[in-house]
């Protein structure tokens, strides 16, 4: 994908974050987009730390997922 396409998609979608493409230990593309803090208007950088721990957690199983379908 041409680098200009990445910029275009980021702009069109309002993407806020970092795009980092690394192949074989070589950085092919790295760029930050949008704001790290909308409140304080602080821009994202390549060094911005993102709080994603909760976003990567799965939800706990529902009680019905532990029982045979006929029990729910």
C-alpha atoms as a PDB file:
ATOM      1  CA  UNK A   1       0.000   0.000   0.000  1.00  0.00           C
ATOM      2  CA  UNK A   2       1.492   3.359  -0.953  1.00  0.00           C
ATOM      3  CA  UNK A   3       2.289   5.620   2.025  1.00  0.00           C
ATOM      4  CA  UNK A   4      -0.004   8.327   0.654  1.00  0.00           C
ATOM      5  CA  UNK A   5      -2.907   5.885   0.899  1.00  0.00           C
ATOM      6  CA  UNK A   6      -2.224   5.402   4.611  1.00  0.00           C
ATOM      7  CA  UNK A   7      -2.336   9.168   5.159  1.00  0.00           C
ATOM      8  CA  UNK A   8      -5.530   9.434   3.111  1.00  0.00           C
ATOM      9  CA  UNK A   9      -7.295   6.641   5.025  1.00  0.00           C
ATOM     10  CA  UNK A  10      -6.188   8.077   8.378  1.00  0.00           C
ATOM     11  CA  UNK A  11      -7.566  11.488   7.418  1.00  0.00           C
ATOM     12  CA  UNK A  12     -10.843  10.154   5.983  1.00  0.00           C
ATOM     13  CA  UNK A  13     -11.559   7.952   9.008  1.00  0.00           C
ATOM     14  CA  UNK A  14     -10.320  10.334  11.697  1.00  0.00           C
ATOM     15  CA  UNK A  15      -7.860   7.683  12.845  1.00  0.00           C
ATOM     16  CA  UNK A  16      -6.015   8.526  16.039  1.00  0.00           C
ATOM     17  CA  UNK A  17      -3.055   6.317  16.857  1.00  0.00           C
ATOM     18  CA  UNK A  18       0.168   5.019  15.348  1.00  0.00           C
ATOM     19  CA  UNK A  19       0.783   3.054  12.166  1.00  0.00           C
ATOM     20  CA  UNK A  20       4.053   1.126  12.391  1.00  0.00           C
ATOM     21  CA  UNK A  21       5.167  -1.249   9.647  1.00  0.00           C
ATOM     22  CA  UNK A  22       8.248  -3.283  10.460  1.00  0.00           C
ATOM     23  CA  UNK A  23       9.574  -6.082   8.250  1.00  0.00           C
ATOM     24  CA  UNK A  24      12.605  -8.119   9.119  1.00  0.00           C
ATOM     25  CA  UNK A  25      13.690  -5.635  11.751  1.00  0.00           C
ATOM     26  CA  UNK A  26      13.589  -2.729   9.313  1.00  0.00           C
ATOM     27  CA  UNK A  27      11.057   0.044   9.885  1.00  0.00           C
ATOM     28  CA  UNK A  28       9.315   0.618   6.561  1.00  0.00           C
ATOM     29  CA  UNK A  29       6.806   3.160   7.812  1.00  0.00           C
ATOM     30  CA  UNK A  30       6.059   4.768  11.163  1.00  0.00           C
ATOM     31  CA  UNK A  31       3.751   7.718  11.688  1.00  0.00           C
ATOM     32  CA  UNK A  32       1.505   9.061  14.453  1.00  0.00           C
ATOM     33  CA  UNK A  33      -1.944  10.474  13.747  1.00  0.00           C
ATOM     34  CA  UNK A  34      -4.506  12.409  15.744  1.00  0.00           C
ATOM     35  CA  UNK A  35      -4.570  13.379  19.379  1.00  0.00           C
ATOM     36  CA  UNK A  36      -3.391  11.554  22.480  1.00  0.00           C
ATOM     37  CA  UNK A  37      -5.598  13.886  24.546  1.00  0.00           C
ATOM     38  CA  UNK A  38      -8.528  15.644  22.979  1.00  0.00           C
ATOM     39  CA  UNK A  39      -9.080  17.606  26.178  1.00  0.00           C
ATOM     40  CA  UNK A  40      -5.590  19.113  26.191  1.00  0.00           C
ATOM     41  CA  UNK A  41      -5.069  18.939  22.394  1.00  0.00           C
ATOM     42  CA  UNK A  42      -1.870  16.868  22.751  1.00  0.00           C
ATOM     43  CA  UNK A  43      -0.808  15.170  19.533  1.00  0.00           C
ATOM     44  CA  UNK A  44       0.094  11.482  19.316  1.00  0.00           C
ATOM     45  CA  UNK A  45       3.767  10.736  18.719  1.00  0.00           C
ATOM     46  CA  UNK A  46       5.630   7.558  17.909  1.00  0.00           C
ATOM     47  CA  UNK A  47       6.415   7.383  21.640  1.00  0.00           C
ATOM     48  CA  UNK A  48       2.818   7.795  22.860  1.00  0.00           C
ATOM     49  CA  UNK A  49       1.867   5.045  25.308  1.00  0.00           C
ATOM     50  CA  UNK A  50      -1.645   3.755  24.718  1.00  0.00           C
ATOM     51  CA  UNK A  51      -3.740   2.320  27.548  1.00  0.00           C
ATOM     52  CA  UNK A  52      -5.058  -0.768  25.793  1.00  0.00           C
ATOM     53  CA  UNK A  53      -4.929  -3.372  28.572  1.00  0.00           C
ATOM     54  CA  UNK A  54      -8.679  -3.365  29.170  1.00  0.00           C
ATOM     55  CA  UNK A  55      -9.408  -3.306  25.460  1.00  0.00           C
ATOM     56  CA  UNK A  56      -7.633  -6.601  24.948  1.00  0.00           C
ATOM     57  CA  UNK A  57      -9.466  -8.482  27.685  1.00  0.00           C
ATOM     58  CA  UNK A  58     -12.104 -10.962  26.712  1.00  0.00           C
ATOM     59  CA  UNK A  59     -15.459 -10.869  28.421  1.00  0.00           C
ATOM     60  CA  UNK A  60     -16.124 -13.512  31.054  1.00  0.00           C
ATOM     61  CA  UNK A  61     -18.218 -16.452  29.912  1.00  0.00           C
ATOM     62  CA  UNK A  62     -21.922 -16.172  30.553  1.00  0.00           C
ATOM     63  CA  UNK A  63     -23.503 -18.741  32.875  1.00  0.00           C
ATOM     64  CA  UNK A  64     -25.214 -20.353  29.879  1.00  0.00           C
ATOM     65  CA  UNK A  65     -21.904 -20.982  28.132  1.00  0.00           C
ATOM     66  CA  UNK A  66     -20.929 -23.347  30.954  1.00  0.00           C
ATOM     67  CA  UNK A  67     -24.021 -25.534  30.641  1.00  0.00           C
ATOM     68  CA  UNK A  68     -25.434 -27.679  27.871  1.00  0.00           C
ATOM     69  CA  UNK A  69     -27.683 -25.700  25.542  1.00  0.00           C
ATOM     70  CA  UNK A  70     -30.751 -27.481  26.870  1.00  0.00           C
ATOM     71  CA  UNK A  71     -30.132 -26.037  30.335  1.00  0.00           C
ATOM     72  CA  UNK A  72     -30.364 -22.425  29.145  1.00  0.00           C
END
